[in-house]
Protein backbone atom coordinates (compact mmCIF):
# COMPACT_ATOMS: atom_id res chain seq x y z
CA MET A 1 -21.47 -70.88 -63.76
CA LEU A 2 -21.88 -72.12 -59.95
CA ILE A 3 -21.07 -68.90 -58.48
CA SER A 4 -23.63 -68.35 -55.52
CA SER A 5 -21.91 -71.48 -53.71
CA GLN A 6 -19.09 -69.38 -53.18
CA LEU A 7 -21.42 -66.22 -52.51
CA LEU A 8 -23.00 -68.28 -49.81
CA ASN A 9 -20.74 -69.52 -47.63
CA ASN A 10 -19.32 -65.86 -47.09
CA LEU A 11 -22.11 -63.83 -47.77
CA TYR A 12 -22.18 -61.99 -44.75
CA VAL A 13 -19.06 -61.54 -45.08
CA ILE A 14 -19.11 -59.46 -48.01
CA LYS A 15 -21.71 -57.43 -46.83
CA GLU A 16 -19.81 -56.45 -44.26
CA LEU A 17 -17.28 -55.38 -46.19
CA LEU A 18 -19.58 -53.93 -48.07
CA PHE A 19 -20.65 -52.36 -44.89
CA ASN A 20 -17.46 -51.15 -43.52
CA ILE A 21 -17.01 -48.68 -47.16
CA ILE A 22 -20.76 -47.57 -46.07
CA VAL A 23 -19.75 -46.07 -42.68
CA CYS A 24 -18.34 -42.63 -41.52
CA ASN A 25 -14.96 -44.73 -39.52
CA THR A 26 -15.36 -43.07 -36.01
CA ALA A 27 -13.76 -40.28 -34.12
CA ILE A 28 -11.13 -38.32 -32.73
CA VAL A 29 -10.55 -37.77 -29.01
CA TYR A 30 -13.04 -35.43 -28.31
CA LEU A 31 -14.88 -34.13 -24.57
CA TYR A 32 -16.39 -30.75 -23.65
CA THR A 33 -14.29 -29.63 -20.34
CA LEU A 34 -16.61 -30.40 -17.95
CA THR A 35 -17.79 -27.07 -15.52
CA GLU A 36 -18.33 -26.76 -11.56
CA ARG A 37 -21.89 -26.51 -12.71
CA MET A 38 -21.86 -30.03 -13.48
CA ASN A 39 -23.33 -31.55 -10.98
CA LYS A 40 -21.54 -34.73 -9.06
CA SER A 41 -24.62 -37.28 -10.55
CA ILE A 42 -24.19 -36.16 -13.76
CA ILE A 43 -20.72 -36.64 -14.28
CA VAL A 44 -21.05 -40.12 -12.68
CA ILE A 45 -23.64 -40.92 -15.40
CA LEU A 46 -20.80 -39.99 -18.23
CA LEU A 47 -18.30 -42.04 -16.99
CA LEU A 48 -20.45 -45.12 -17.10
CA LEU A 49 -21.32 -44.90 -20.52
CA VAL A 50 -17.90 -44.52 -21.06
CA GLN A 51 -16.82 -47.15 -18.76
CA LEU A 52 -19.37 -49.95 -19.04
CA PRO A 53 -18.28 -50.84 -22.75
CA PHE A 54 -14.90 -51.70 -21.88
CA PHE A 55 -16.21 -54.34 -19.31
CA ALA A 56 -17.65 -56.45 -22.12
CA GLN A 57 -14.35 -56.29 -24.35
CA ASP A 58 -12.91 -60.03 -25.97
CA ASP A 59 -9.51 -58.90 -25.83
CA ASP A 60 -8.89 -62.78 -27.57
CA LYS A 61 -10.86 -62.27 -30.70
CA THR A 62 -12.49 -58.58 -31.32
CA PRO A 63 -14.84 -59.14 -34.09
CA LYS A 64 -15.30 -55.77 -36.53
CA TYR A 65 -17.77 -55.06 -38.99
CA SER A 66 -20.41 -56.89 -37.10
CA ASN A 67 -24.17 -55.07 -37.57
CA GLU A 68 -22.44 -52.16 -39.39
CA PHE A 69 -26.03 -51.23 -41.55
CA LEU A 70 -27.02 -49.75 -38.06
CA ASN A 71 -24.17 -47.51 -38.63
CA ILE A 72 -25.33 -46.01 -42.04
CA GLY A 73 -27.58 -43.54 -40.63
CA VAL A 74 -31.19 -42.19 -41.38
CA GLY A 75 -32.29 -38.50 -42.10
CA ALA A 76 -31.03 -36.49 -44.91
CA ARG A 77 -30.56 -33.94 -42.70
CA ALA A 78 -28.04 -35.87 -40.39
CA LEU A 79 -25.91 -37.36 -43.81
CA GLY A 80 -25.53 -33.96 -44.71
CA MET A 81 -23.80 -32.84 -42.15
CA SER A 82 -21.32 -36.54 -41.71
CA ASN A 83 -24.10 -37.44 -39.15
CA SER A 84 -23.24 -34.94 -36.59
CA VAL A 85 -26.01 -34.94 -34.70
CA ILE A 86 -25.82 -36.74 -31.39
CA ALA A 87 -26.01 -33.60 -29.34
CA SER A 88 -28.30 -31.76 -31.71
CA THR A 89 -31.43 -33.95 -32.62
CA ASP A 90 -34.70 -33.24 -32.24
CA ASP A 91 -36.88 -34.88 -34.16
CA VAL A 92 -38.57 -38.85 -34.87
CA THR A 93 -34.94 -39.80 -36.34
CA SER A 94 -33.98 -39.35 -32.48
CA GLY A 95 -34.94 -42.28 -32.00
CA TYR A 96 -31.99 -43.88 -34.18
CA TRP A 97 -29.45 -41.24 -33.15
CA ASN A 98 -30.28 -39.97 -29.54
CA PRO A 99 -33.39 -41.59 -27.73
CA THR A 100 -33.05 -37.66 -25.27
CA GLY A 101 -33.58 -35.19 -28.30
CA LEU A 102 -36.99 -36.86 -28.73
CA LEU A 103 -38.52 -34.48 -26.26
CA ASN A 104 -37.43 -31.63 -28.18
CA ILE A 105 -39.78 -32.68 -31.15
CA ASP A 106 -41.78 -29.42 -31.70
CA SER A 107 -45.69 -31.62 -32.03
CA ASP A 108 -47.29 -34.46 -30.22
CA LEU A 109 -46.80 -37.12 -33.05
CA GLN A 110 -44.15 -37.10 -35.40
CA ILE A 111 -43.41 -39.52 -38.48
CA GLY A 112 -39.82 -40.01 -40.65
CA LEU A 113 -39.73 -41.97 -43.86
CA MET A 114 -36.24 -42.06 -46.03
CA HIS A 115 -35.32 -44.28 -48.87
CA SER A 116 -31.75 -44.01 -50.42
CA GLU A 117 -29.90 -45.99 -52.63
CA TYR A 118 -25.49 -47.42 -52.78
CA PHE A 119 -23.81 -49.28 -55.59
CA ALA A 120 -25.96 -48.23 -58.71
CA GLY A 121 -28.92 -48.76 -57.05
CA ILE A 122 -27.93 -52.72 -55.96
CA ALA A 123 -28.97 -52.04 -52.24
CA LYS A 124 -31.22 -50.14 -51.09
CA TYR A 125 -31.60 -48.68 -47.59
CA ASP A 126 -35.46 -47.90 -46.12
CA TYR A 127 -36.44 -46.13 -42.89
CA GLY A 128 -39.23 -45.58 -40.61
CA ALA A 129 -40.24 -44.37 -37.55
CA ILE A 130 -42.60 -42.73 -35.69
CA ALA A 131 -42.18 -40.53 -32.50
CA LYS A 132 -45.04 -39.79 -29.49
CA LYS A 133 -44.45 -37.33 -26.38
CA ILE A 134 -45.97 -39.06 -23.40
CA ASP A 135 -46.09 -36.05 -21.42
CA ASP A 136 -43.62 -32.98 -20.87
CA LYS A 137 -41.35 -35.05 -18.90
CA SER A 138 -40.98 -38.91 -21.35
CA ALA A 139 -41.46 -38.95 -24.76
CA MET A 140 -41.06 -42.30 -27.07
CA ALA A 141 -40.37 -43.94 -31.10
CA PHE A 142 -40.22 -47.01 -33.11
CA SER A 143 -37.89 -46.81 -35.60
CA PHE A 144 -37.56 -49.59 -38.30
CA ILE A 145 -34.48 -50.54 -41.01
CA ARG A 146 -33.99 -52.51 -43.29
CA PHE A 147 -30.64 -52.51 -45.89
CA GLY A 148 -30.92 -55.45 -48.64
CA VAL A 149 -29.96 -56.49 -51.79
CA ASP A 150 -32.41 -57.91 -53.62
CA ASN A 151 -32.99 -60.67 -56.86
CA ILE A 152 -29.45 -62.04 -56.15
CA PRO A 153 -29.53 -65.27 -58.85
CA ASN A 154 -29.00 -68.67 -57.06
CA THR A 155 -27.41 -70.72 -59.62
CA THR A 156 -26.44 -73.82 -56.88
CA GLU A 157 -29.49 -75.95 -58.97
CA LEU A 158 -28.38 -74.75 -62.16
CA ILE A 159 -27.37 -78.53 -63.90
CA ASP A 160 -29.74 -81.47 -62.60
CA ALA A 161 -28.66 -84.71 -61.90
CA GLN A 162 -28.36 -85.64 -65.45
CA GLY A 163 -24.91 -82.73 -65.49
CA ASN A 164 -27.61 -80.72 -68.43
CA ILE A 165 -27.86 -77.06 -67.43
CA ASP A 166 -31.62 -76.04 -66.92
CA TYR A 167 -31.64 -72.02 -66.79
CA ASP A 168 -35.31 -72.87 -65.57
CA ARG A 169 -33.58 -74.13 -62.22
CA ILE A 170 -31.91 -70.41 -61.30
CA THR A 171 -34.89 -68.63 -58.47
CA TYR A 172 -34.03 -65.47 -56.94
CA PHE A 173 -33.60 -64.49 -53.51
CA SER A 174 -32.48 -61.64 -51.05
CA ALA A 175 -30.16 -60.42 -48.65
CA ALA A 176 -31.80 -58.09 -46.37
CA ASP A 177 -30.62 -56.46 -42.62
CA MET A 178 -33.66 -55.12 -40.60
CA ALA A 179 -33.59 -53.90 -37.34
CA PHE A 180 -36.83 -52.77 -35.34
CA ILE A 181 -35.96 -50.32 -32.30
CA PHE A 182 -37.77 -49.29 -29.22
CA SER A 183 -36.89 -45.95 -27.70
CA TYR A 184 -37.66 -44.47 -24.51
CA ALA A 185 -36.27 -40.79 -23.29
CA ARG A 186 -36.96 -39.12 -19.61
CA LYS A 187 -36.20 -35.37 -18.84
CA ILE A 188 -34.45 -35.83 -15.03
CA SER A 189 -33.81 -31.76 -14.75
CA ASP A 190 -34.20 -28.41 -16.71
CA ASN A 191 -30.65 -29.60 -18.02
CA LEU A 192 -30.58 -33.02 -18.08
CA ASN A 193 -31.80 -35.86 -20.36
CA VAL A 194 -31.62 -39.36 -20.78
CA GLY A 195 -32.57 -42.40 -22.63
CA GLY A 196 -31.93 -45.62 -24.10
CA SER A 197 -33.64 -48.04 -26.84
CA GLY A 198 -33.86 -51.58 -27.10
CA LYS A 199 -33.22 -53.02 -30.70
CA ILE A 200 -34.02 -56.18 -32.48
CA ILE A 201 -31.80 -57.44 -35.28
CA HIS A 202 -33.15 -59.65 -38.23
CA ARG A 203 -30.67 -60.86 -40.75
CA LYS A 204 -31.69 -63.04 -44.23
CA VAL A 205 -30.00 -64.20 -46.75
CA GLY A 206 -33.29 -66.38 -48.42
CA ASP A 207 -33.66 -69.42 -46.52
CA PHE A 208 -30.23 -70.46 -46.54
CA ALA A 209 -29.39 -68.49 -43.34
CA LYS A 210 -30.92 -65.96 -40.92
CA SER A 211 -30.08 -64.74 -37.31
CA TRP A 212 -31.73 -62.76 -34.42
CA GLY A 213 -29.89 -61.12 -32.21
CA PHE A 214 -30.56 -58.12 -29.14
CA GLY A 215 -29.12 -55.41 -28.29
CA ILE A 216 -29.67 -51.84 -25.71
CA ASP A 217 -28.21 -48.57 -26.40
CA PHE A 218 -27.85 -46.15 -23.74
CA ALA A 219 -27.50 -41.67 -23.85
CA ALA A 220 -27.35 -39.03 -22.15
CA THR A 221 -27.46 -35.25 -22.66
CA TYR A 222 -26.90 -32.05 -21.17
CA LYS A 223 -27.02 -28.40 -21.22
CA LEU A 224 -24.27 -26.12 -20.40
CA GLY A 225 -25.19 -22.57 -20.84
CA ASP A 226 -24.85 -22.32 -25.10
CA TRP A 227 -23.99 -25.16 -24.97
CA LYS A 228 -25.13 -29.35 -25.68
CA ILE A 229 -23.02 -32.40 -24.33
CA ALA A 230 -24.35 -36.02 -25.26
CA ALA A 231 -22.71 -39.19 -24.72
CA LEU A 232 -24.01 -42.32 -26.43
CA THR A 233 -23.34 -45.93 -26.14
CA ARG A 234 -24.31 -48.30 -29.02
CA ASP A 235 -24.54 -51.81 -28.12
CA ILE A 236 -23.57 -51.00 -24.19
CA THR A 237 -23.90 -54.64 -22.91
CA THR A 238 -22.90 -55.97 -26.70
CA THR A 239 -25.29 -57.72 -29.23
CA PHE A 240 -25.32 -61.10 -30.01
CA ASN A 241 -26.79 -62.05 -33.46
CA ALA A 242 -27.52 -66.27 -32.86
CA TRP A 243 -26.63 -67.20 -36.78
CA SER A 244 -28.59 -70.58 -38.16
CA PHE A 245 -27.95 -72.16 -42.02
CA SER A 246 -30.20 -74.04 -43.75
CA LEU A 247 -28.37 -76.41 -47.07
CA THR A 248 -30.10 -78.30 -48.95
CA ASP A 249 -28.09 -82.17 -49.49
CA GLN A 250 -26.81 -80.35 -53.24
CA MET A 251 -25.68 -77.61 -52.02
CA ILE A 252 -23.46 -79.04 -49.92
CA GLU A 253 -22.23 -81.30 -51.92
CA VAL A 254 -20.86 -77.93 -54.23
CA PHE A 255 -19.78 -76.65 -51.24
CA ASP A 256 -17.18 -79.82 -51.24
CA ARG A 257 -16.71 -80.18 -54.17
CA THR A 258 -15.23 -76.75 -54.28
CA ASP A 259 -13.76 -76.93 -51.04
CA ASN A 260 -15.53 -73.84 -49.09
CA GLU A 261 -15.88 -74.38 -46.06
CA ILE A 262 -19.77 -75.71 -44.87
CA PRO A 263 -21.03 -72.86 -42.35
CA GLU A 264 -22.10 -73.92 -38.86
CA ASN A 265 -24.96 -72.15 -36.77
CA GLY A 266 -23.23 -69.72 -34.28
CA LEU A 267 -22.83 -66.66 -32.01
CA GLU A 268 -21.73 -62.69 -34.05
CA ILE A 269 -20.55 -60.19 -31.77
CA THR A 270 -21.31 -56.34 -31.82
CA MET A 271 -18.37 -54.88 -30.20
CA PRO A 272 -19.89 -51.23 -27.89
CA ARG A 273 -19.29 -47.79 -29.50
CA ILE A 274 -18.85 -44.89 -27.61
CA ILE A 275 -20.23 -41.64 -28.85
CA LEU A 276 -19.40 -38.06 -27.41
CA ALA A 277 -20.51 -34.81 -28.74
CA GLY A 278 -20.85 -31.36 -28.27
CA MET A 279 -22.97 -28.36 -30.23
CA ARG A 280 -23.64 -24.96 -29.96
CA GLN A 281 -26.32 -22.73 -32.37
CA TRP A 282 -26.11 -18.89 -32.92
CA LYS A 283 -28.09 -15.91 -33.42
CA ILE A 284 -26.96 -14.03 -36.82
CA GLY A 285 -29.37 -11.20 -37.32
CA LYS A 286 -33.06 -11.60 -36.34
CA SER A 287 -33.59 -14.43 -39.54
CA PHE A 288 -30.31 -16.25 -39.04
CA THR A 289 -29.02 -18.82 -36.86
CA TYR A 290 -25.60 -21.00 -37.39
CA LEU A 291 -25.23 -24.55 -35.58
CA ALA A 292 -22.02 -26.32 -34.83
CA GLU A 293 -21.85 -29.82 -33.93
CA LEU A 294 -18.21 -31.78 -33.09
CA ASP A 295 -18.76 -35.76 -32.73
CA ALA A 296 -16.75 -38.70 -32.07
CA ASP A 297 -16.54 -42.08 -32.19
CA PHE A 298 -14.66 -44.71 -30.51
CA THR A 299 -14.97 -48.22 -31.28
CA THR A 300 -13.95 -50.90 -29.16
CA ASP A 301 -12.70 -53.26 -31.51
CA GLY A 302 -9.38 -52.52 -32.64
CA LYS A 303 -8.11 -51.28 -34.55
CA ARG A 304 -9.44 -49.30 -37.95
CA ASN A 305 -8.21 -47.18 -40.59
CA VAL A 306 -9.31 -44.33 -39.18
CA LEU A 307 -7.02 -40.83 -37.74
CA ILE A 308 -6.79 -42.19 -34.72
CA VAL A 309 -5.66 -45.82 -34.41
CA GLY A 310 -5.46 -47.81 -31.58
CA ASP A 311 -6.08 -51.31 -29.81
CA PRO A 312 -8.90 -52.03 -29.01
CA ILE A 313 -9.82 -48.40 -28.81
CA SER A 314 -9.60 -46.23 -32.60
CA ILE A 315 -11.07 -43.13 -33.04
CA ASP A 316 -12.58 -40.55 -35.75
CA PRO A 317 -13.81 -37.39 -35.71
CA HIS A 318 -16.70 -36.01 -38.00
CA PHE A 319 -17.88 -32.27 -37.78
CA GLY A 320 -21.25 -30.74 -38.91
CA MET A 321 -22.82 -27.49 -39.21
CA GLU A 322 -25.87 -25.97 -39.88
CA LEU A 323 -27.26 -22.17 -41.48
CA GLY A 324 -30.92 -21.58 -40.97
CA PHE A 325 -33.23 -18.80 -41.92
CA LYS A 326 -36.25 -18.30 -40.40
CA ASN A 327 -36.35 -21.80 -39.12
CA ILE A 328 -38.00 -22.44 -42.71
CA VAL A 329 -34.51 -23.14 -44.91
CA PHE A 330 -31.06 -24.99 -43.85
CA VAL A 331 -27.93 -25.51 -45.60
CA ARG A 332 -25.38 -27.73 -44.61
CA ALA A 333 -22.32 -29.00 -44.68
CA GLY A 334 -19.55 -31.74 -42.64
CA LEU A 335 -16.69 -33.40 -42.85
CA GLY A 336 -16.56 -37.16 -42.00
CA ASN A 337 -14.16 -40.59 -42.74
CA LEU A 338 -11.18 -38.91 -42.00
CA GLN A 339 -8.92 -41.95 -43.29
CA LYS A 340 -4.83 -42.62 -43.63
CA VAL A 341 -4.27 -43.55 -47.25
CA THR A 342 -0.88 -44.31 -48.83
CA GLU A 343 -0.25 -43.17 -51.75
CA ILE A 344 2.05 -45.10 -54.42
CA THR A 345 5.02 -43.36 -54.06
CA GLY A 346 4.94 -44.61 -50.18
CA LYS A 347 3.72 -41.05 -48.51
CA GLU A 348 0.72 -41.30 -46.09
CA VAL A 349 -1.81 -38.88 -46.47
CA VAL A 350 -4.76 -37.88 -44.60
CA THR A 351 -7.96 -37.69 -46.82
CA VAL A 352 -11.30 -36.60 -45.90
CA GLN A 353 -15.34 -37.03 -46.95
CA PRO A 354 -17.61 -33.90 -47.43
CA ASN A 355 -21.36 -33.76 -47.80
CA ILE A 356 -23.34 -31.18 -48.25
CA GLY A 357 -27.52 -30.82 -48.02
CA ILE A 358 -30.39 -28.65 -48.20
CA GLY A 359 -33.99 -28.54 -46.01
CA VAL A 360 -37.14 -26.61 -46.26
CA LYS A 361 -39.34 -26.68 -43.56
CA LEU A 362 -42.98 -25.30 -43.68
CA LYS A 363 -46.73 -26.49 -42.41
CA GLY A 364 -45.18 -29.18 -40.02
CA ILE A 365 -43.60 -31.10 -43.08
CA SER A 366 -39.73 -30.56 -43.43
CA LEU A 367 -38.43 -32.47 -46.41
CA ASP A 368 -34.32 -32.73 -46.54
CA TYR A 369 -31.77 -33.44 -49.28
CA ALA A 370 -28.02 -34.97 -48.85
CA LEU A 371 -25.38 -35.45 -51.44
CA THR A 372 -23.04 -37.86 -49.74
CA ASP A 373 -20.26 -40.22 -50.42
CA ILE A 374 -21.03 -43.56 -48.36
CA GLY A 375 -17.45 -44.63 -48.80
CA ASP A 376 -13.88 -42.78 -49.87
CA ALA A 377 -14.76 -40.15 -51.64
CA SER A 378 -12.16 -40.89 -54.78
CA VAL A 379 -13.52 -44.63 -55.04
CA ALA A 380 -17.91 -44.93 -53.97
CA LEU A 381 -20.58 -42.50 -55.98
CA TYR A 382 -21.86 -40.02 -54.54
CA SER A 383 -25.73 -40.92 -53.34
CA ASN A 384 -28.18 -38.42 -53.17
CA VAL A 385 -30.87 -38.59 -50.00
CA PHE A 386 -34.21 -37.88 -49.32
CA SER A 387 -36.21 -37.52 -46.42
CA LEU A 388 -39.28 -36.82 -44.95
CA ARG A 389 -40.53 -36.06 -41.69
CA PHE A 390 -44.82 -35.25 -40.34
CA ASN A 391 -46.04 -33.31 -37.67
CA LEU A 392 -49.16 -34.17 -36.39
CA ASN A 393 -51.05 -32.79 -33.69
CA LYS A 394 -48.57 -29.59 -32.86
CA THR A 395 -48.27 -28.41 -30.01
CA ASN A 396 -46.40 -24.75 -29.07
């Protein structure tokens, strides 16, 4: 069967639909009230973070689910808390979540690794990063992400010129999305940190299609008493992926015979996403700590199936909490992916996705585990996710 000809024409679209299942769709309107202790410059920064994405908006054709692999999340700690770590992140994964958190790493050099598999092992997600403190007021990180499906059979040349089926003509290819992220953070004052990330995106479907893209993220975190408030804008100027296709004459002939549209070179646009977050940590006795964080993601690409649906802005909440014991053992939980679902009876209900996780930190090594559902809790299977962090040249 010539199944791959159909697949090749729509492969990246199919993948984006899968990524839509993966993403914990975003955010409820939430922003902690700014008090008089916040000066005008901080208010201006936060307002710019919120407003800049709308300047780049295209009202006629707003694409959805582009580069969704970058919204899955990294680190088992974050996944166990339903990705509610924008304000509380303080390790090497901050290069992905919020660059300002790099200023809080407790070593001169830190390395992070994660591997997870989705859809019964069909799709593999790998992450690696290294973070370095430059001085007391600045830090940087480099992160790499790959999400791919490997060993896909290519049957477009299964039948030879004489019409004979020859299984030796079957080849295999990979469909992979990769991101290279460079992050930098700077301490502006005792209460205010700012940071940003530049990311290069490479997406490849065998030898048939590939794209290159570039994007910029910007973040600010403000400490307000016992609270931390953070604002992050991803793809602040929109991110453009330039696609190019390379098809053989035989593949083009198959496309024609099966009434499939032959793909053409073009641009894919990722619209900005704003994330607002607030967190607080409490001490319980001498040995325990409790951390709670509420995040709100604002998407600007039109209506999505989330808690608050709008056009062009859709919003959905996610909440996470962490109970720590002597800064060694941690228990985590989170709620996210709130969606409105219509049951067979016609009744509309709100579904929620729970996540849980645990972590252990000992002698500069942190091992984290999360049990997380990458889609609706009643449809997709839960995945076991592990991640590691190593401290090198530990500082006080």
